[in-house]
Amino acid sequence: MSWAGLRHWSSALALGVVLGACSGATSDPSAPGGGGGGGGSESVILDPPVVVQGISSSTTPFSSKTWSIGCSALPCYFRYAINQSSSLTDLSSETYTSVAANTLSVSVDVAAKGAGTFYLHAQAKDMEGRQSVVKTVSVVLQNGSPPAPGPFAITGSILFEDVPPASGPYRLNYSAVQQRPARRVLVQAIEMMNGAESGVFTVTNTDDNGQFTLSIPDGVKVKVRAVAQMTTGRYTKDGVGPLENCDGASWD
């Protein structure tokens, strides 16, 4: 072969290699026409991103707080910062842990940091070097124990249906029924233990508008009961008295 012919053959071979590379295809021996170079294709499955897990913000004040930082690709390396800045997305000034682990325990307390709102900024890196985005959570630190919740107020109103008399003897007009407040009705808070009534925890009475309020400490389970009864105070011995004595009745 002449030198000119050899140059022409080399150029054609190089052009074929370039065209094959530019086709974007890869050889897949199992695909139809595969194994011949450039005739088949294969799918690339991307790994899921690395995500920081296991931490969340707290709205209840604490004198100390401990987080357990986790990640979605175990094990991971972790780095973090705790400060009073709510927006920190770059932790490059912090150093990753030297040993990969499933979780990293991080604590903060009011004695070391003082009172206020503090933010934990955490980042994870998997064994292949892929990094998560920085996740930020918050906690409120204060001196002393958090205040005990409660007591809680249970409020409500009790009404009854007033059916006026109709024309004619012994008749009621149900088309003119009105709801009226049940005044001075006894309202009980019944304590519940293991699904059963254990006794009356506290009581109150409705006001002139039929409304009531019960104060219940935190952790006490109750059900509310309105007691339908008539008060016989200021009545005559047989329970029947003049009209002016009826102001002692509960349902007036």
C-alpha atoms as a PDB file:
ATOM      1  CA  MET A   1       0.000   0.000   0.000  1.00  0.00           C
ATOM      2  CA  SER A   2       1.328   3.439  -0.902  1.00  0.00           C
ATOM      3  CA  TRP A   3       1.883   6.156   1.697  1.00  0.00           C
ATOM      4  CA  ALA A   4      -1.082   8.112   0.285  1.00  0.00           C
ATOM      5  CA  GLY A   5      -3.310   5.035   0.553  1.00  0.00           C
ATOM      6  CA  LEU A   6      -2.233   4.401   4.123  1.00  0.00           C
ATOM      7  CA  ARG A   7      -3.069   7.988   5.092  1.00  0.00           C
ATOM      8  CA  HIS A   8      -6.529   7.678   3.514  1.00  0.00           C
ATOM      9  CA  TRP A   9      -7.249   4.416   5.391  1.00  0.00           C
ATOM     10  CA  SER A  10      -6.086   5.909   8.721  1.00  0.00           C
ATOM     11  CA  SER A  11      -8.295   8.989   8.247  1.00  0.00           C
ATOM     12  CA  ALA A  12     -11.323   6.840   7.504  1.00  0.00           C
ATOM     13  CA  LEU A  13     -10.704   4.711  10.604  1.00  0.00           C
ATOM     14  CA  ALA A  14     -10.339   7.791  12.809  1.00  0.00           C
ATOM     15  CA  LEU A  15     -13.546   9.272  11.402  1.00  0.00           C
ATOM     16  CA  GLY A  16     -15.404   6.038  12.168  1.00  0.00           C
ATOM     17  CA  VAL A  17     -14.206   6.077  15.768  1.00  0.00           C
ATOM     18  CA  VAL A  18     -15.273   9.696  16.190  1.00  0.00           C
ATOM     19  CA  LEU A  19     -18.707   9.031  14.694  1.00  0.00           C
ATOM     20  CA  GLY A  20     -19.161   6.013  16.949  1.00  0.00           C
ATOM     21  CA  ALA A  21     -18.258   8.080  20.007  1.00  0.00           C
ATOM     22  CA  CYS A  22     -20.590  10.888  18.997  1.00  0.00           C
ATOM     23  CA  SER A  23     -23.546   8.552  18.596  1.00  0.00           C
ATOM     24  CA  GLY A  24     -23.986   8.429  22.394  1.00  0.00           C
ATOM     25  CA  ALA A  25     -24.669   4.692  22.315  1.00  0.00           C
ATOM     26  CA  THR A  26     -22.897   2.022  24.335  1.00  0.00           C
ATOM     27  CA  SER A  27     -22.457  -1.600  23.569  1.00  0.00           C
ATOM     28  CA  ASP A  28     -24.946  -3.966  25.159  1.00  0.00           C
ATOM     29  CA  PRO A  29     -24.279  -7.586  24.191  1.00  0.00           C
ATOM     30  CA  SER A  30     -27.734  -8.663  25.433  1.00  0.00           C
ATOM     31  CA  ALA A  31     -29.583  -6.156  23.244  1.00  0.00           C
ATOM     32  CA  PRO A  32     -30.570  -6.904  19.641  1.00  0.00           C
ATOM     33  CA  GLY A  33     -27.638  -5.990  17.470  1.00  0.00           C
ATOM     34  CA  GLY A  34     -25.517  -5.498  20.618  1.00  0.00           C
ATOM     35  CA  GLY A  35     -21.934  -6.462  20.871  1.00  0.00           C
ATOM     36  CA  GLY A  36     -21.196  -4.911  17.514  1.00  0.00           C
ATOM     37  CA  GLY A  37     -20.327  -1.550  19.009  1.00  0.00           C
ATOM     38  CA  GLY A  38     -22.786   1.345  18.967  1.00  0.00           C
ATOM     39  CA  GLY A  39     -25.907  -0.627  18.127  1.00  0.00           C
ATOM     40  CA  GLY A  40     -27.430  -1.045  21.616  1.00  0.00           C
ATOM     41  CA  SER A  41     -28.144   1.180  24.681  1.00  0.00           C
ATOM     42  CA  GLU A  42     -28.283   0.799  28.429  1.00  0.00           C
ATOM     43  CA  SER A  43     -30.191   2.689  31.196  1.00  0.00           C
ATOM     44  CA  VAL A  44     -28.335   4.503  33.938  1.00  0.00           C
ATOM     45  CA  ILE A  45     -30.004   4.299  37.406  1.00  0.00           C
ATOM     46  CA  LEU A  46     -29.029   7.194  39.648  1.00  0.00           C
ATOM     47  CA  ASP A  47     -28.635   6.661  43.385  1.00  0.00           C
ATOM     48  CA  PRO A  48     -31.126   8.558  45.587  1.00  0.00           C
ATOM     49  CA  PRO A  49     -29.778  11.752  47.121  1.00  0.00           C
ATOM     50  CA  VAL A  50     -28.298  11.805  50.602  1.00  0.00           C
ATOM     51  CA  VAL A  51     -30.749  13.338  53.091  1.00  0.00           C
ATOM     52  CA  VAL A  52     -30.296  14.327  56.746  1.00  0.00           C
ATOM     53  CA  GLN A  53     -32.919  12.566  58.904  1.00  0.00           C
ATOM     54  CA  GLY A  54     -34.023  12.182  62.525  1.00  0.00           C
ATOM     55  CA  ILE A  55     -33.986  15.830  63.673  1.00  0.00           C
ATOM     56  CA  SER A  56     -36.824  18.339  64.042  1.00  0.00           C
ATOM     57  CA  SER A  57     -37.551  21.686  65.660  1.00  0.00           C
ATOM     58  CA  SER A  58     -38.956  21.972  69.206  1.00  0.00           C
ATOM     59  CA  THR A  59     -41.449  24.638  70.263  1.00  0.00           C
ATOM     60  CA  THR A  60     -41.415  23.689  73.963  1.00  0.00           C
ATOM     61  CA  PRO A  61     -38.609  25.444  75.898  1.00  0.00           C
ATOM     62  CA  PHE A  62     -35.872  23.234  77.371  1.00  0.00           C
ATOM     63  CA  SER A  63     -32.871  23.759  79.591  1.00  0.00           C
ATOM     64  CA  SER A  64     -30.988  21.231  77.418  1.00  0.00           C
ATOM     65  CA  LYS A  65     -31.626  19.465  74.132  1.00  0.00           C
ATOM     66  CA  THR A  66     -30.078  16.406  72.475  1.00  0.00           C
ATOM     67  CA  TRP A  67     -30.518  15.541  68.786  1.00  0.00           C
ATOM     68  CA  SER A  68     -29.641  12.271  67.055  1.00  0.00           C
ATOM     69  CA  ILE A  69     -28.630  13.163  63.497  1.00  0.00           C
ATOM     70  CA  GLY A  70     -29.175  10.434  60.925  1.00  0.00           C
ATOM     71  CA  CYS A  71     -28.956  10.105  57.154  1.00  0.00           C
ATOM     72  CA  SER A  72     -30.643   8.196  54.347  1.00  0.00           C
ATOM     73  CA  ALA A  73     -27.486   6.410  53.112  1.00  0.00           C
ATOM     74  CA  LEU A  74     -25.959   4.484  56.009  1.00  0.00           C
ATOM     75  CA  PRO A  75     -23.325   4.851  57.241  1.00  0.00           C
ATOM     76  CA  CYS A  76     -22.473   8.545  56.859  1.00  0.00           C
ATOM     77  CA  TYR A  77     -20.020  11.188  57.945  1.00  0.00           C
ATOM     78  CA  PHE A  78     -21.548  14.203  59.692  1.00  0.00           C
ATOM     79  CA  ARG A  79     -20.707  17.828  60.337  1.00  0.00           C
ATOM     80  CA  TYR A  80     -22.775  20.506  62.051  1.00  0.00           C
ATOM     81  CA  ALA A  81     -22.888  23.958  63.600  1.00  0.00           C
ATOM     82  CA  ILE A  82     -24.999  25.369  66.438  1.00  0.00           C
ATOM     83  CA  ASN A  83     -25.613  29.112  66.550  1.00  0.00           C
ATOM     84  CA  GLN A  84     -28.380  31.712  66.605  1.00  0.00           C
ATOM     85  CA  SER A  85     -28.496  32.202  62.832  1.00  0.00           C
ATOM     86  CA  SER A  86     -31.569  30.723  61.179  1.00  0.00           C
ATOM     87  CA  SER A  87     -30.075  30.762  57.666  1.00  0.00           C
ATOM     88  CA  LEU A  88     -26.815  28.869  57.244  1.00  0.00           C
ATOM     89  CA  THR A  89     -26.374  26.782  54.095  1.00  0.00           C
ATOM     90  CA  ASP A  90     -22.575  26.508  53.912  1.00  0.00           C
ATOM     91  CA  LEU A  91     -20.775  24.301  56.431  1.00  0.00           C
ATOM     92  CA  SER A  92     -17.454  24.169  54.577  1.00  0.00           C
ATOM     93  CA  SER A  93     -15.720  25.711  57.597  1.00  0.00           C
ATOM     94  CA  GLU A  94     -16.781  22.692  59.704  1.00  0.00           C
ATOM     95  CA  THR A  95     -15.049  19.291  59.620  1.00  0.00           C
ATOM     96  CA  TYR A  96     -16.773  15.987  58.928  1.00  0.00           C
ATOM     97  CA  THR A  97     -16.512  13.250  61.530  1.00  0.00           C
ATOM     98  CA  SER A  98     -13.533  10.989  60.880  1.00  0.00           C
ATOM     99  CA  VAL A  99     -15.537   7.776  61.315  1.00  0.00           C
ATOM    100  CA  ALA A 100     -18.740   6.970  59.438  1.00  0.00           C
ATOM    101  CA  ALA A 101     -21.715   6.018  61.595  1.00  0.00           C
ATOM    102  CA  ASN A 102     -25.475   5.579  61.429  1.00  0.00           C
ATOM    103  CA  THR A 103     -26.195   8.519  63.751  1.00  0.00           C
ATOM    104  CA  LEU A 104     -24.423  11.350  65.546  1.00  0.00           C
ATOM    105  CA  SER A 105     -25.587  12.601  68.949  1.00  0.00           C
ATOM    106  CA  VAL A 106     -25.398  16.383  69.437  1.00  0.00           C
ATOM    107  CA  SER A 107     -26.370  18.286  72.613  1.00  0.00           C
ATOM    108  CA  VAL A 108     -26.841  21.898  73.615  1.00  0.00           C
ATOM    109  CA  ASP A 109     -27.732  23.338  77.028  1.00  0.00           C
ATOM    110  CA  VAL A 110     -28.583  26.709  78.491  1.00  0.00           C
ATOM    111  CA  ALA A 111     -25.588  26.648  80.859  1.00  0.00           C
ATOM    112  CA  ALA A 112     -23.161  26.626  77.928  1.00  0.00           C
ATOM    113  CA  LYS A 113     -25.080  28.718  75.401  1.00  0.00           C
ATOM    114  CA  GLY A 114     -27.364  30.896  77.489  1.00  0.00           C
ATOM    115  CA  ALA A 115     -31.084  31.426  77.017  1.00  0.00           C
ATOM    116  CA  GLY A 116     -32.613  32.064  73.621  1.00  0.00           C
ATOM    117  CA  THR A 117     -33.441  30.402  70.322  1.00  0.00           C
ATOM    118  CA  PHE A 118     -30.645  28.274  68.844  1.00  0.00           C
ATOM    119  CA  TYR A 119     -30.334  26.519  65.507  1.00  0.00           C
ATOM    120  CA  LEU A 120     -28.684  23.216  64.619  1.00  0.00           C
ATOM    121  CA  HIS A 121     -27.369  23.099  61.041  1.00  0.00           C
ATOM    122  CA  ALA A 122     -26.469  19.535  60.016  1.00  0.00           C
ATOM    123  CA  GLN A 123     -25.000  17.972  56.875  1.00  0.00           C
ATOM    124  CA  ALA A 124     -24.229  14.351  55.948  1.00  0.00           C
ATOM    125  CA  LYS A 125     -21.869  12.705  53.445  1.00  0.00           C
ATOM    126  CA  ASP A 126     -22.074   9.090  52.312  1.00  0.00           C
ATOM    127  CA  MET A 127     -19.202   6.683  51.735  1.00  0.00           C
ATOM    128  CA  GLU A 128     -18.967   7.727  48.078  1.00  0.00           C
ATOM    129  CA  GLY A 129     -18.509  11.375  48.983  1.00  0.00           C
ATOM    130  CA  ARG A 130     -21.990  12.579  48.036  1.00  0.00           C
ATOM    131  CA  GLN A 131     -23.180  15.368  50.352  1.00  0.00           C
ATOM    132  CA  SER A 132     -26.655  16.275  51.534  1.00  0.00           C
ATOM    133  CA  VAL A 133     -28.026  19.775  51.678  1.00  0.00           C
ATOM    134  CA  VAL A 134     -27.795  21.478  55.071  1.00  0.00           C
ATOM    135  CA  LYS A 135     -30.831  20.858  57.267  1.00  0.00           C
ATOM    136  CA  THR A 136     -31.673  23.420  59.973  1.00  0.00           C
ATOM    137  CA  VAL A 137     -33.822  22.892  63.088  1.00  0.00           C
ATOM    138  CA  SER A 138     -34.375  25.065  66.152  1.00  0.00           C
ATOM    139  CA  VAL A 139     -34.824  24.850  69.909  1.00  0.00           C
ATOM    140  CA  VAL A 140     -35.656  27.401  72.610  1.00  0.00           C
ATOM    141  CA  LEU A 141     -33.391  27.246  75.650  1.00  0.00           C
ATOM    142  CA  GLN A 142     -34.428  28.681  78.996  1.00  0.00           C
ATOM    143  CA  ASN A 143     -33.361  28.332  82.617  1.00  0.00           C
ATOM    144  CA  GLY A 144     -35.267  25.868  84.768  1.00  0.00           C
ATOM    145  CA  SER A 145     -37.721  23.201  83.772  1.00  0.00           C
ATOM    146  CA  PRO A 146     -40.424  23.942  81.207  1.00  0.00           C
ATOM    147  CA  PRO A 147     -43.681  25.115  82.789  1.00  0.00           C
ATOM    148  CA  ALA A 148     -46.209  22.407  83.473  1.00  0.00           C
ATOM    149  CA  PRO A 149     -49.080  22.524  80.987  1.00  0.00           C
ATOM    150  CA  GLY A 150     -52.589  23.298  82.090  1.00  0.00           C
ATOM    151  CA  PRO A 151     -54.914  23.500  83.785  1.00  0.00           C
ATOM    152  CA  PHE A 152     -57.235  23.438  80.810  1.00  0.00           C
ATOM    153  CA  ALA A 153     -60.652  25.060  80.612  1.00  0.00           C
ATOM    154  CA  ILE A 154     -63.608  23.064  79.306  1.00  0.00           C
ATOM    155  CA  THR A 155     -66.369  25.449  78.289  1.00  0.00           C
ATOM    156  CA  GLY A 156     -69.826  24.873  76.879  1.00  0.00           C
ATOM    157  CA  SER A 157     -73.475  25.800  77.033  1.00  0.00           C
ATOM    158  CA  ILE A 158     -76.632  23.868  77.863  1.00  0.00           C
ATOM    159  CA  LEU A 159     -79.977  24.625  76.264  1.00  0.00           C
ATOM    160  CA  PHE A 160     -83.466  23.178  76.554  1.00  0.00           C
ATOM    161  CA  GLU A 161     -86.469  23.306  74.249  1.00  0.00           C
ATOM    162  CA  ASP A 162     -89.349  25.439  75.487  1.00  0.00           C
ATOM    163  CA  VAL A 163     -92.658  24.286  74.031  1.00  0.00           C
ATOM    164  CA  PRO A 164     -95.398  26.922  74.536  1.00  0.00           C
ATOM    165  CA  PRO A 165     -99.030  26.004  75.130  1.00  0.00           C
ATOM    166  CA  ALA A 166    -101.458  25.975  72.242  1.00  0.00           C
ATOM    167  CA  SER A 167    -105.081  27.011  72.170  1.00  0.00           C
ATOM    168  CA  GLY A 168    -107.385  24.517  73.738  1.00  0.00           C
ATOM    169  CA  PRO A 169    -106.971  22.410  76.851  1.00  0.00           C
ATOM    170  CA  TYR A 170    -103.930  20.222  77.385  1.00  0.00           C
ATOM    171  CA  ARG A 171    -102.249  21.102  74.112  1.00  0.00           C
ATOM    172  CA  LEU A 172     -98.717  22.232  73.191  1.00  0.00           C
ATOM    173  CA  ASN A 173     -97.633  24.201  70.150  1.00  0.00           C
ATOM    174  CA  TYR A 174     -94.649  22.293  68.769  1.00  0.00           C
ATOM    175  CA  SER A 175     -94.440  24.595  65.761  1.00  0.00           C
ATOM    176  CA  ALA A 176     -93.277  27.395  68.080  1.00  0.00           C
ATOM    177  CA  VAL A 177     -90.513  25.531  69.968  1.00  0.00           C
ATOM    178  CA  GLN A 178     -87.692  27.782  71.197  1.00  0.00           C
ATOM    179  CA  GLN A 179     -84.291  26.929  72.628  1.00  0.00           C
ATOM    180  CA  ARG A 180     -83.660  28.642  75.930  1.00  0.00           C
ATOM    181  CA  PRO A 181     -80.662  28.579  78.302  1.00  0.00           C
ATOM    182  CA  ALA A 182     -80.763  26.026  81.094  1.00  0.00           C
ATOM    183  CA  ARG A 183     -79.821  28.230  84.044  1.00  0.00           C
ATOM    184  CA  ARG A 184     -78.090  27.002  87.215  1.00  0.00           C
ATOM    185  CA  VAL A 185     -77.860  23.422  85.944  1.00  0.00           C
ATOM    186  CA  LEU A 186     -75.378  21.212  87.784  1.00  0.00           C
ATOM    187  CA  VAL A 187     -72.456  20.237  85.500  1.00  0.00           C
ATOM    188  CA  GLN A 188     -70.079  17.485  86.615  1.00  0.00           C
ATOM    189  CA  ALA A 189     -66.625  16.498  85.357  1.00  0.00           C
ATOM    190  CA  ILE A 190     -66.461  12.717  85.801  1.00  0.00           C
ATOM    191  CA  GLU A 191     -62.897  11.379  86.020  1.00  0.00           C
ATOM    192  CA  MET A 192     -62.214   8.411  83.757  1.00  0.00           C
ATOM    193  CA  MET A 193     -59.657   5.755  84.647  1.00  0.00           C
ATOM    194  CA  ASN A 194     -59.064   2.669  82.480  1.00  0.00           C
ATOM    195  CA  GLY A 195     -62.215   3.431  80.542  1.00  0.00           C
ATOM    196  CA  ALA A 196     -64.471   3.501  83.617  1.00  0.00           C
ATOM    197  CA  GLU A 197     -65.881   6.255  85.817  1.00  0.00           C
ATOM    198  CA  SER A 198     -63.893   6.713  89.024  1.00  0.00           C
ATOM    199  CA  GLY A 199     -65.978   9.518  90.533  1.00  0.00           C
ATOM    200  CA  VAL A 200     -66.826  13.206  90.280  1.00  0.00           C
ATOM    201  CA  PHE A 201     -63.648  15.244  89.839  1.00  0.00           C
ATOM    202  CA  THR A 202     -65.175  18.741  89.994  1.00  0.00           C
ATOM    203  CA  VAL A 203     -68.541  20.463  89.523  1.00  0.00           C
ATOM    204  CA  THR A 204     -69.935  23.813  88.473  1.00  0.00           C
ATOM    205  CA  ASN A 205     -73.258  25.417  87.529  1.00  0.00           C
ATOM    206  CA  THR A 206     -74.426  27.101  84.349  1.00  0.00           C
ATOM    207  CA  ASP A 207     -74.932  30.869  84.454  1.00  0.00           C
ATOM    208  CA  ASP A 208     -77.958  32.862  83.290  1.00  0.00           C
ATOM    209  CA  ASN A 209     -76.940  32.226  79.667  1.00  0.00           C
ATOM    210  CA  GLY A 210     -76.624  28.466  80.177  1.00  0.00           C
ATOM    211  CA  GLN A 211     -72.827  28.582  79.877  1.00  0.00           C
ATOM    212  CA  PHE A 212     -70.298  26.809  82.094  1.00  0.00           C
ATOM    213  CA  THR A 213     -66.528  26.431  82.574  1.00  0.00           C
ATOM    214  CA  LEU A 214     -64.654  23.524  84.155  1.00  0.00           C
ATOM    215  CA  SER A 215     -60.953  23.751  85.061  1.00  0.00           C
ATOM    216  CA  ILE A 216     -59.148  20.425  84.553  1.00  0.00           C
ATOM    217  CA  PRO A 217     -55.437  19.783  85.282  1.00  0.00           C
ATOM    218  CA  ASP A 218     -53.217  18.341  82.587  1.00  0.00           C
ATOM    219  CA  GLY A 219     -53.276  14.563  82.392  1.00  0.00           C
ATOM    220  CA  VAL A 220     -56.745  14.106  83.911  1.00  0.00           C
ATOM    221  CA  LYS A 221     -59.285  12.428  81.625  1.00  0.00           C
ATOM    222  CA  VAL A 222     -62.885  13.420  82.208  1.00  0.00           C
ATOM    223  CA  LYS A 223     -66.285  13.312  80.622  1.00  0.00           C
ATOM    224  CA  VAL A 224     -68.853  16.066  81.169  1.00  0.00           C
ATOM    225  CA  ARG A 225     -72.309  15.323  82.520  1.00  0.00           C
ATOM    226  CA  ALA A 226     -75.216  17.754  82.886  1.00  0.00           C
ATOM    227  CA  VAL A 227     -77.580  16.709  85.675  1.00  0.00           C
ATOM    228  CA  ALA A 228     -81.259  17.327  84.929  1.00  0.00           C
ATOM    229  CA  GLN A 229     -82.912  18.097  88.244  1.00  0.00           C
ATOM    230  CA  MET A 230     -85.260  20.536  89.886  1.00  0.00           C
ATOM    231  CA  THR A 231     -84.330  22.479  92.997  1.00  0.00           C
ATOM    232  CA  THR A 232     -87.029  22.332  95.673  1.00  0.00           C
ATOM    233  CA  GLY A 233     -85.667  25.151  97.806  1.00  0.00           C
ATOM    234  CA  ARG A 234     -88.277  27.773  98.802  1.00  0.00           C
ATOM    235  CA  TYR A 235     -91.053  25.365  97.820  1.00  0.00           C
ATOM    236  CA  THR A 236     -93.767  24.216 100.172  1.00  0.00           C
ATOM    237  CA  LYS A 237     -93.529  20.753 101.721  1.00  0.00           C
ATOM    238  CA  ASP A 238     -95.492  19.031  98.964  1.00  0.00           C
ATOM    239  CA  GLY A 239     -93.401  20.657  96.243  1.00  0.00           C
ATOM    240  CA  VAL A 240     -96.184  22.900  95.063  1.00  0.00           C
ATOM    241  CA  GLY A 241     -96.060  26.549  95.935  1.00  0.00           C
ATOM    242  CA  PRO A 242     -97.102  29.963  94.702  1.00  0.00           C
ATOM    243  CA  LEU A 243     -95.570  31.297  91.459  1.00  0.00           C
ATOM    244  CA  GLU A 244     -93.176  33.650  93.221  1.00  0.00           C
ATOM    245  CA  ASN A 245     -91.456  30.666  94.828  1.00  0.00           C
ATOM    246  CA  CYS A 246     -90.450  29.155  91.445  1.00  0.00           C
ATOM    247  CA  ASP A 247     -87.299  31.266  91.186  1.00  0.00           C
ATOM    248  CA  GLY A 248     -85.423  28.492  92.980  1.00  0.00           C
ATOM    249  CA  ALA A 249     -85.893  26.067  90.080  1.00  0.00           C
ATOM    250  CA  SER A 250     -82.952  25.128  87.917  1.00  0.00           C
ATOM    251  CA  TRP A 251     -84.857  25.276  84.657  1.00  0.00           C
ATOM    252  CA  ASP A 252     -86.362  28.736  84.943  1.00  0.00           C
END
